Amino acid sequence: FTDRGQAIEVDALCDYAADGLPAAYTCDKQVVVLSEGGAAKPATASSGSKTWMHNGSVMRLDTSGEARKFFYEKPRSGIAKNGASQGTLLFEGTREASRYFGTAYIFKAGCEPAPYEVSGDVASDERSVVMTGDAPRLDAACKVVGTKVDRLIFTYLP
């Protein structure tokens, strides 16, 4: 893109607004611009920021020793309609070497967050974490009617 004649680089993700789907679904509906004005500056995850992107939502990573927690800071509209808001916990667990282990939560409007176990790897450059697990599928009465493989991708935001 260009802004007032100056070339800029942006990261873009889409927003999937369907109800009751696991958090990591992708789509091609609405583009959300993450960087505005000016050229993007290269950075690494060790530069102090704890802000990450997950499926169109801005997340906060809290760390204490090996403990890890991802919270929604700016949930995308689809997940907000399903009950997530600023400060809502999406993942809690631990980091052991270059792997995360723990519990993630699925959200469906009118239901309590449903937990499920996930695990996955931290990229060698520390700029992404990818975890998978069997997310519960909930019916209209919030009962588990099956599972679906869910992939949670967290990407560091400089």
N, C-alpha and C. Protein backbone atom coordinates (compact mmCIF):
# COMPACT_ATOMS: atom_id res chain seq x y z
N PHE A 1 0.83 -1.17 0.00
CA PHE A 1 0.00 0.00 0.00
C PHE A 1 0.89 1.25 0.00
N THR A 2 0.28 2.35 -0.32
CA THR A 2 0.97 3.63 -0.18
C THR A 2 0.11 4.56 0.65
N ASP A 3 0.75 5.41 1.41
CA ASP A 3 0.08 6.41 2.23
C ASP A 3 0.76 7.74 1.98
N ARG A 4 0.03 8.65 1.36
CA ARG A 4 0.57 9.97 1.02
C ARG A 4 1.87 9.85 0.26
N GLY A 5 1.91 8.87 -0.67
CA GLY A 5 3.06 8.69 -1.52
C GLY A 5 4.17 7.83 -0.94
N GLN A 6 4.06 7.47 0.33
CA GLN A 6 5.10 6.65 0.96
C GLN A 6 4.64 5.19 1.00
N ALA A 7 5.51 4.30 0.56
CA ALA A 7 5.18 2.88 0.58
C ALA A 7 5.10 2.38 2.02
N ILE A 8 4.05 1.62 2.34
CA ILE A 8 3.92 1.02 3.66
C ILE A 8 3.62 -0.46 3.50
N GLU A 9 4.00 -1.22 4.51
CA GLU A 9 3.74 -2.65 4.53
C GLU A 9 2.73 -2.93 5.63
N VAL A 10 1.72 -3.73 5.35
CA VAL A 10 0.71 -4.05 6.34
C VAL A 10 0.52 -5.55 6.43
N ASP A 11 0.12 -6.00 7.62
CA ASP A 11 -0.33 -7.38 7.80
C ASP A 11 -1.85 -7.34 7.73
N ALA A 12 -2.46 -8.33 7.11
CA ALA A 12 -3.92 -8.36 7.00
C ALA A 12 -4.44 -9.74 7.32
N LEU A 13 -5.54 -9.78 8.06
CA LEU A 13 -6.25 -11.01 8.37
C LEU A 13 -7.73 -10.76 8.13
N CYS A 14 -8.51 -11.83 8.10
CA CYS A 14 -9.93 -11.66 7.88
C CYS A 14 -10.71 -11.97 9.14
N ASP A 15 -11.97 -11.60 9.13
CA ASP A 15 -12.85 -11.75 10.29
C ASP A 15 -13.97 -12.70 9.91
N TYR A 16 -14.08 -13.82 10.62
CA TYR A 16 -15.11 -14.82 10.34
C TYR A 16 -16.18 -14.67 11.40
N ALA A 17 -17.39 -14.36 11.03
CA ALA A 17 -18.42 -13.99 11.99
C ALA A 17 -19.46 -15.08 12.23
N ALA A 18 -19.21 -16.32 11.88
CA ALA A 18 -20.17 -17.38 12.11
C ALA A 18 -20.22 -17.75 13.59
N ASP A 19 -21.36 -18.22 14.04
CA ASP A 19 -21.53 -18.58 15.44
C ASP A 19 -21.05 -20.00 15.71
N GLY A 20 -20.45 -20.19 16.88
CA GLY A 20 -20.16 -21.50 17.40
C GLY A 20 -19.00 -22.25 16.79
N LEU A 21 -18.21 -21.61 15.95
CA LEU A 21 -17.08 -22.30 15.34
C LEU A 21 -15.84 -22.12 16.17
N PRO A 22 -14.91 -23.08 16.11
CA PRO A 22 -13.65 -22.90 16.84
C PRO A 22 -12.95 -21.62 16.43
N ALA A 23 -12.12 -21.12 17.31
CA ALA A 23 -11.53 -19.80 17.15
C ALA A 23 -10.60 -19.67 15.95
N ALA A 24 -10.08 -20.74 15.42
CA ALA A 24 -9.01 -20.63 14.43
C ALA A 24 -9.48 -20.75 12.98
N TYR A 25 -10.76 -20.60 12.70
CA TYR A 25 -11.21 -20.66 11.31
C TYR A 25 -10.77 -19.42 10.55
N THR A 26 -10.49 -19.60 9.27
CA THR A 26 -10.10 -18.48 8.43
C THR A 26 -11.18 -18.23 7.39
N CYS A 27 -11.11 -17.10 6.73
CA CYS A 27 -12.12 -16.75 5.73
C CYS A 27 -11.54 -15.74 4.75
N ASP A 28 -12.40 -15.24 3.87
CA ASP A 28 -11.96 -14.23 2.91
C ASP A 28 -12.98 -13.11 2.83
N LYS A 29 -13.57 -12.73 3.95
CA LYS A 29 -14.66 -11.75 3.96
C LYS A 29 -14.20 -10.32 4.21
N GLN A 30 -13.63 -10.03 5.34
CA GLN A 30 -13.32 -8.66 5.74
C GLN A 30 -11.85 -8.54 6.11
N VAL A 31 -11.16 -7.59 5.54
CA VAL A 31 -9.75 -7.39 5.83
C VAL A 31 -9.63 -6.38 6.97
N VAL A 32 -8.78 -6.70 7.93
CA VAL A 32 -8.51 -5.82 9.06
C VAL A 32 -7.06 -5.39 8.95
N VAL A 33 -6.81 -4.09 8.85
CA VAL A 33 -5.44 -3.58 8.74
C VAL A 33 -4.84 -3.47 10.13
N LEU A 34 -3.67 -4.03 10.29
CA LEU A 34 -3.00 -4.03 11.58
C LEU A 34 -1.99 -2.91 11.72
N SER A 35 -1.40 -2.46 10.62
CA SER A 35 -0.42 -1.39 10.66
C SER A 35 -0.96 -0.23 9.85
N GLU A 36 -0.84 0.98 10.38
CA GLU A 36 -1.32 2.14 9.67
C GLU A 36 -0.23 3.19 9.61
N GLY A 37 -0.11 3.85 8.46
CA GLY A 37 0.80 4.97 8.29
C GLY A 37 2.25 4.64 8.56
N GLY A 38 3.13 5.05 7.71
CA GLY A 38 4.55 4.81 7.90
C GLY A 38 4.94 3.39 7.58
N ALA A 39 6.21 3.21 7.31
CA ALA A 39 6.70 1.88 6.97
C ALA A 39 6.74 1.01 8.21
N ALA A 40 6.45 -0.26 8.01
CA ALA A 40 6.54 -1.21 9.12
C ALA A 40 8.00 -1.35 9.54
N LYS A 41 8.23 -1.42 10.83
CA LYS A 41 9.59 -1.56 11.35
C LYS A 41 9.82 -3.01 11.74
N PRO A 42 10.93 -3.60 11.32
CA PRO A 42 11.19 -4.97 11.73
C PRO A 42 11.41 -5.05 13.24
N ALA A 43 10.95 -6.15 13.83
CA ALA A 43 11.12 -6.36 15.26
C ALA A 43 11.11 -7.85 15.54
N THR A 44 11.51 -8.20 16.75
CA THR A 44 11.44 -9.60 17.15
C THR A 44 10.60 -9.69 18.41
N ALA A 45 10.17 -10.89 18.73
CA ALA A 45 9.33 -11.09 19.90
C ALA A 45 10.05 -10.74 21.19
N SER A 46 11.35 -10.68 21.16
CA SER A 46 12.10 -10.36 22.38
C SER A 46 12.19 -8.86 22.62
N SER A 47 11.57 -8.04 21.76
CA SER A 47 11.70 -6.60 21.91
C SER A 47 10.82 -6.03 23.01
N GLY A 48 10.11 -6.88 23.78
CA GLY A 48 9.38 -6.39 24.94
C GLY A 48 7.88 -6.39 24.79
N SER A 49 7.36 -6.37 23.60
CA SER A 49 5.92 -6.37 23.42
C SER A 49 5.36 -7.74 23.71
N LYS A 50 4.18 -7.76 24.29
CA LYS A 50 3.48 -9.01 24.53
C LYS A 50 2.19 -9.05 23.74
N THR A 51 2.12 -8.33 22.65
CA THR A 51 0.91 -8.26 21.84
C THR A 51 1.03 -9.23 20.67
N TRP A 52 -0.02 -10.01 20.47
CA TRP A 52 -0.05 -11.04 19.44
C TRP A 52 -1.37 -10.96 18.68
N MET A 53 -1.40 -11.54 17.49
CA MET A 53 -2.62 -11.63 16.69
C MET A 53 -3.06 -13.08 16.65
N HIS A 54 -4.35 -13.31 16.81
CA HIS A 54 -4.91 -14.65 16.67
C HIS A 54 -6.23 -14.54 15.91
N ASN A 55 -6.24 -15.00 14.67
CA ASN A 55 -7.46 -15.10 13.88
C ASN A 55 -8.26 -13.79 13.84
N GLY A 56 -7.57 -12.69 13.68
CA GLY A 56 -8.26 -11.41 13.58
C GLY A 56 -8.47 -10.69 14.89
N SER A 57 -8.07 -11.30 16.00
CA SER A 57 -8.18 -10.67 17.32
C SER A 57 -6.79 -10.31 17.83
N VAL A 58 -6.71 -9.17 18.50
CA VAL A 58 -5.46 -8.78 19.15
C VAL A 58 -5.46 -9.43 20.53
N MET A 59 -4.35 -10.09 20.85
CA MET A 59 -4.23 -10.85 22.08
C MET A 59 -3.10 -10.29 22.95
N ARG A 60 -3.16 -10.57 24.25
CA ARG A 60 -2.08 -10.23 25.18
C ARG A 60 -1.54 -11.54 25.75
N LEU A 61 -0.24 -11.71 25.71
CA LEU A 61 0.41 -12.87 26.31
C LEU A 61 0.98 -12.47 27.65
N ASP A 62 0.53 -13.13 28.71
CA ASP A 62 1.10 -12.94 30.05
C ASP A 62 1.97 -14.13 30.36
N THR A 63 3.17 -13.86 30.87
CA THR A 63 4.10 -14.93 31.20
C THR A 63 4.57 -14.78 32.64
N SER A 64 4.81 -15.92 33.27
CA SER A 64 5.38 -15.96 34.61
C SER A 64 6.11 -17.29 34.72
N GLY A 65 7.43 -17.25 34.65
CA GLY A 65 8.19 -18.49 34.61
C GLY A 65 7.80 -19.27 33.36
N GLU A 66 7.38 -20.52 33.55
CA GLU A 66 6.93 -21.33 32.41
C GLU A 66 5.45 -21.13 32.10
N ALA A 67 4.70 -20.48 32.98
CA ALA A 67 3.26 -20.28 32.79
C ALA A 67 3.00 -19.31 31.64
N ARG A 68 1.97 -19.63 30.84
CA ARG A 68 1.58 -18.80 29.70
C ARG A 68 0.06 -18.64 29.68
N LYS A 69 -0.40 -17.41 29.41
CA LYS A 69 -1.84 -17.14 29.27
C LYS A 69 -2.03 -16.15 28.13
N PHE A 70 -2.92 -16.48 27.20
CA PHE A 70 -3.33 -15.55 26.15
C PHE A 70 -4.71 -15.02 26.50
N PHE A 71 -4.85 -13.68 26.52
CA PHE A 71 -6.11 -13.01 26.79
C PHE A 71 -6.50 -12.17 25.57
N TYR A 72 -7.79 -12.03 25.32
CA TYR A 72 -8.26 -11.13 24.27
C TYR A 72 -8.05 -9.69 24.72
N GLU A 73 -7.45 -8.88 23.86
CA GLU A 73 -7.36 -7.44 24.07
C GLU A 73 -8.39 -6.73 23.20
N LYS A 74 -8.44 -7.12 21.93
CA LYS A 74 -9.43 -6.56 20.98
C LYS A 74 -10.00 -7.74 20.20
N PRO A 75 -11.07 -8.37 20.72
CA PRO A 75 -11.63 -9.52 20.02
C PRO A 75 -12.27 -9.10 18.70
N ARG A 76 -12.13 -9.96 17.68
CA ARG A 76 -12.79 -9.71 16.40
C ARG A 76 -14.30 -9.80 16.63
N SER A 77 -15.08 -9.24 15.73
CA SER A 77 -16.53 -9.15 15.95
C SER A 77 -17.19 -10.51 16.11
N GLY A 78 -16.78 -11.51 15.34
CA GLY A 78 -17.42 -12.83 15.42
C GLY A 78 -17.24 -13.48 16.77
N ILE A 79 -16.05 -13.38 17.34
CA ILE A 79 -15.80 -14.00 18.64
C ILE A 79 -16.43 -13.16 19.75
N ALA A 80 -16.51 -11.85 19.56
CA ALA A 80 -17.17 -10.99 20.55
C ALA A 80 -18.66 -11.33 20.62
N LYS A 81 -19.27 -11.63 19.48
CA LYS A 81 -20.69 -12.02 19.46
C LYS A 81 -20.91 -13.33 20.20
N ASN A 82 -19.85 -14.12 20.32
CA ASN A 82 -19.95 -15.41 21.00
C ASN A 82 -19.52 -15.34 22.46
N GLY A 83 -19.24 -14.15 22.97
CA GLY A 83 -19.01 -14.01 24.40
C GLY A 83 -17.63 -13.57 24.84
N ALA A 84 -16.66 -13.48 23.94
CA ALA A 84 -15.34 -13.03 24.35
C ALA A 84 -15.31 -11.50 24.39
N SER A 85 -14.62 -10.96 25.37
CA SER A 85 -14.46 -9.51 25.48
C SER A 85 -13.03 -9.23 25.93
N GLN A 86 -12.68 -7.96 26.02
CA GLN A 86 -11.33 -7.61 26.47
C GLN A 86 -11.09 -8.26 27.83
N GLY A 87 -9.96 -8.96 27.94
CA GLY A 87 -9.60 -9.62 29.19
C GLY A 87 -10.05 -11.07 29.29
N THR A 88 -10.83 -11.56 28.32
CA THR A 88 -11.28 -12.95 28.35
C THR A 88 -10.10 -13.88 28.06
N LEU A 89 -9.96 -14.93 28.88
CA LEU A 89 -8.89 -15.91 28.74
C LEU A 89 -9.20 -16.86 27.58
N LEU A 90 -8.26 -17.03 26.65
CA LEU A 90 -8.39 -17.99 25.57
C LEU A 90 -7.53 -19.22 25.81
N PHE A 91 -6.35 -19.05 26.38
CA PHE A 91 -5.43 -20.17 26.60
C PHE A 91 -4.71 -19.98 27.92
N GLU A 92 -4.53 -21.10 28.66
CA GLU A 92 -3.68 -21.10 29.84
C GLU A 92 -2.92 -22.41 29.86
N GLY A 93 -1.62 -22.30 30.13
CA GLY A 93 -0.80 -23.51 30.13
C GLY A 93 0.64 -23.19 30.46
N THR A 94 1.54 -24.00 29.90
CA THR A 94 2.96 -23.83 30.17
C THR A 94 3.76 -23.92 28.88
N ARG A 95 4.94 -23.34 28.96
CA ARG A 95 5.92 -23.50 27.89
C ARG A 95 7.03 -24.38 28.43
N GLU A 96 7.31 -25.45 27.70
CA GLU A 96 8.41 -26.35 28.04
C GLU A 96 9.30 -26.42 26.81
N ALA A 97 10.51 -25.85 26.93
CA ALA A 97 11.43 -25.71 25.79
C ALA A 97 10.71 -24.91 24.71
N SER A 98 10.52 -25.48 23.54
CA SER A 98 9.86 -24.74 22.45
C SER A 98 8.45 -25.25 22.20
N ARG A 99 7.79 -25.78 23.24
CA ARG A 99 6.41 -26.28 23.10
C ARG A 99 5.49 -25.68 24.16
N TYR A 100 4.25 -25.44 23.76
CA TYR A 100 3.20 -25.01 24.67
C TYR A 100 2.27 -26.20 24.93
N PHE A 101 1.80 -26.31 26.17
CA PHE A 101 0.84 -27.32 26.57
C PHE A 101 -0.20 -26.64 27.46
N GLY A 102 -1.48 -26.96 27.28
CA GLY A 102 -2.46 -26.38 28.17
C GLY A 102 -3.88 -26.53 27.71
N THR A 103 -4.72 -25.59 28.17
CA THR A 103 -6.16 -25.61 27.93
C THR A 103 -6.55 -24.36 27.16
N ALA A 104 -7.29 -24.55 26.07
CA ALA A 104 -7.89 -23.44 25.33
C ALA A 104 -9.40 -23.51 25.55
N TYR A 105 -10.08 -22.44 25.16
CA TYR A 105 -11.53 -22.37 25.37
C TYR A 105 -12.22 -22.01 24.06
N ILE A 106 -13.36 -22.65 23.83
CA ILE A 106 -14.20 -22.35 22.67
C ILE A 106 -15.38 -21.53 23.19
N PHE A 107 -15.84 -20.58 22.37
CA PHE A 107 -16.92 -19.68 22.79
C PHE A 107 -18.12 -19.85 21.88
N LYS A 108 -19.30 -19.89 22.48
CA LYS A 108 -20.57 -19.92 21.74
C LYS A 108 -21.55 -19.07 22.53
N ALA A 109 -22.26 -18.20 21.81
CA ALA A 109 -23.20 -17.29 22.45
C ALA A 109 -24.16 -18.06 23.35
N GLY A 110 -24.33 -17.58 24.59
CA GLY A 110 -25.25 -18.18 25.54
C GLY A 110 -24.67 -19.35 26.32
N CYS A 111 -23.44 -19.76 26.02
CA CYS A 111 -22.80 -20.90 26.69
C CYS A 111 -21.59 -20.43 27.48
N GLU A 112 -21.25 -21.19 28.50
CA GLU A 112 -20.00 -20.97 29.21
C GLU A 112 -18.85 -21.36 28.28
N PRO A 113 -17.68 -20.73 28.40
CA PRO A 113 -16.53 -21.17 27.59
C PRO A 113 -16.26 -22.65 27.84
N ALA A 114 -16.06 -23.40 26.76
CA ALA A 114 -15.83 -24.85 26.86
C ALA A 114 -14.34 -25.14 26.71
N PRO A 115 -13.75 -25.81 27.70
CA PRO A 115 -12.31 -26.08 27.66
C PRO A 115 -11.96 -27.29 26.81
N TYR A 116 -10.73 -27.27 26.27
CA TYR A 116 -10.19 -28.43 25.57
C TYR A 116 -8.67 -28.33 25.59
N GLU A 117 -8.02 -29.48 25.56
CA GLU A 117 -6.56 -29.55 25.65
C GLU A 117 -5.92 -29.25 24.29
N VAL A 118 -4.84 -28.47 24.33
CA VAL A 118 -4.08 -28.13 23.13
C VAL A 118 -2.60 -28.23 23.42
N SER A 119 -1.81 -28.38 22.37
CA SER A 119 -0.36 -28.33 22.48
C SER A 119 0.19 -27.94 21.12
N GLY A 120 1.42 -27.44 21.13
CA GLY A 120 2.03 -27.07 19.86
C GLY A 120 3.37 -26.41 20.05
N ASP A 121 3.91 -25.95 18.94
CA ASP A 121 5.28 -25.46 18.89
C ASP A 121 5.41 -23.95 18.77
N VAL A 122 6.50 -23.46 19.33
CA VAL A 122 6.93 -22.08 19.15
C VAL A 122 7.88 -22.08 17.96
N ALA A 123 7.71 -21.14 17.03
CA ALA A 123 8.61 -21.04 15.88
C ALA A 123 10.02 -20.72 16.34
N SER A 124 11.01 -21.12 15.56
CA SER A 124 12.41 -20.89 15.93
C SER A 124 12.74 -19.41 16.08
N ASP A 125 12.02 -18.52 15.36
CA ASP A 125 12.27 -17.08 15.50
C ASP A 125 11.44 -16.44 16.62
N GLU A 126 10.67 -17.26 17.36
CA GLU A 126 9.86 -16.81 18.49
C GLU A 126 8.71 -15.89 18.08
N ARG A 127 8.36 -15.82 16.80
CA ARG A 127 7.34 -14.89 16.33
C ARG A 127 5.98 -15.54 16.11
N SER A 128 5.87 -16.85 16.34
CA SER A 128 4.56 -17.50 16.23
C SER A 128 4.51 -18.74 17.11
N VAL A 129 3.28 -19.06 17.51
CA VAL A 129 2.99 -20.26 18.28
C VAL A 129 1.80 -20.91 17.60
N VAL A 130 1.91 -22.21 17.29
CA VAL A 130 0.81 -22.94 16.65
C VAL A 130 0.48 -24.13 17.54
N MET A 131 -0.79 -24.17 17.99
CA MET A 131 -1.25 -25.28 18.83
C MET A 131 -2.47 -25.93 18.19
N THR A 132 -2.65 -27.21 18.44
CA THR A 132 -3.83 -27.92 17.96
C THR A 132 -4.45 -28.71 19.10
N GLY A 133 -5.73 -29.00 18.93
CA GLY A 133 -6.46 -29.82 19.90
C GLY A 133 -7.84 -30.14 19.36
N ASP A 134 -8.54 -31.01 20.04
CA ASP A 134 -9.90 -31.39 19.64
C ASP A 134 -10.89 -30.51 20.38
N ALA A 135 -11.40 -29.47 19.69
CA ALA A 135 -12.34 -28.53 20.28
C ALA A 135 -13.73 -29.14 20.33
N PRO A 136 -14.45 -28.93 21.42
CA PRO A 136 -15.81 -29.45 21.49
C PRO A 136 -16.73 -28.69 20.53
N ARG A 137 -17.68 -29.40 19.94
CA ARG A 137 -18.75 -28.78 19.15
C ARG A 137 -19.98 -28.74 20.05
N LEU A 138 -20.56 -27.56 20.18
CA LEU A 138 -21.68 -27.36 21.09
C LEU A 138 -22.98 -27.21 20.33
N ASP A 139 -24.07 -27.80 20.86
CA ASP A 139 -25.38 -27.61 20.24
C ASP A 139 -26.04 -26.37 20.86
N ALA A 140 -27.29 -26.11 20.48
CA ALA A 140 -28.00 -24.92 20.96
C ALA A 140 -28.20 -24.93 22.47
N ALA A 141 -28.18 -26.11 23.10
CA ALA A 141 -28.34 -26.22 24.54
C ALA A 141 -26.99 -26.26 25.26
N CYS A 142 -25.92 -25.97 24.54
CA CYS A 142 -24.55 -25.91 25.08
C CYS A 142 -24.00 -27.29 25.46
N LYS A 143 -24.59 -28.34 24.91
CA LYS A 143 -24.09 -29.69 25.16
C LYS A 143 -23.09 -30.06 24.08
N VAL A 144 -22.05 -30.80 24.48
CA VAL A 144 -21.04 -31.25 23.54
C VAL A 144 -21.65 -32.34 22.66
N VAL A 145 -21.58 -32.12 21.34
CA VAL A 145 -22.15 -33.09 20.39
C VAL A 145 -21.07 -33.69 19.49
N GLY A 146 -19.83 -33.44 19.83
CA GLY A 146 -18.72 -33.96 19.05
C GLY A 146 -17.51 -33.07 19.22
N THR A 147 -16.51 -33.34 18.41
CA THR A 147 -15.30 -32.51 18.44
C THR A 147 -14.86 -32.22 17.02
N LYS A 148 -14.02 -31.22 16.91
CA LYS A 148 -13.43 -30.86 15.64
C LYS A 148 -11.99 -30.41 15.91
N VAL A 149 -11.07 -30.85 15.07
CA VAL A 149 -9.68 -30.44 15.24
C VAL A 149 -9.60 -28.93 15.07
N ASP A 150 -9.02 -28.27 16.06
CA ASP A 150 -8.87 -26.81 16.05
C ASP A 150 -7.39 -26.48 16.04
N ARG A 151 -7.04 -25.49 15.25
CA ARG A 151 -5.65 -25.03 15.15
C ARG A 151 -5.60 -23.58 15.56
N LEU A 152 -4.87 -23.29 16.61
CA LEU A 152 -4.73 -21.93 17.11
C LEU A 152 -3.36 -21.40 16.69
N ILE A 153 -3.37 -20.29 15.95
CA ILE A 153 -2.13 -19.68 15.47
C ILE A 153 -2.02 -18.30 16.09
N PHE A 154 -0.95 -18.07 16.81
CA PHE A 154 -0.67 -16.78 17.43
C PHE A 154 0.57 -16.21 16.76
N THR A 155 0.45 -14.98 16.25
CA THR A 155 1.56 -14.33 15.56
C THR A 155 1.92 -13.05 16.29
N TYR A 156 3.19 -12.91 16.60
CA TYR A 156 3.70 -11.74 17.31
C TYR A 156 3.46 -10.47 16.51
N LEU A 157 3.00 -9.42 17.19
CA LEU A 157 2.81 -8.10 16.58
C LEU A 157 3.92 -7.17 17.07
N PRO A 158 4.74 -6.66 16.16
CA PRO A 158 5.79 -5.72 16.60
C PRO A 158 5.18 -4.44 17.16
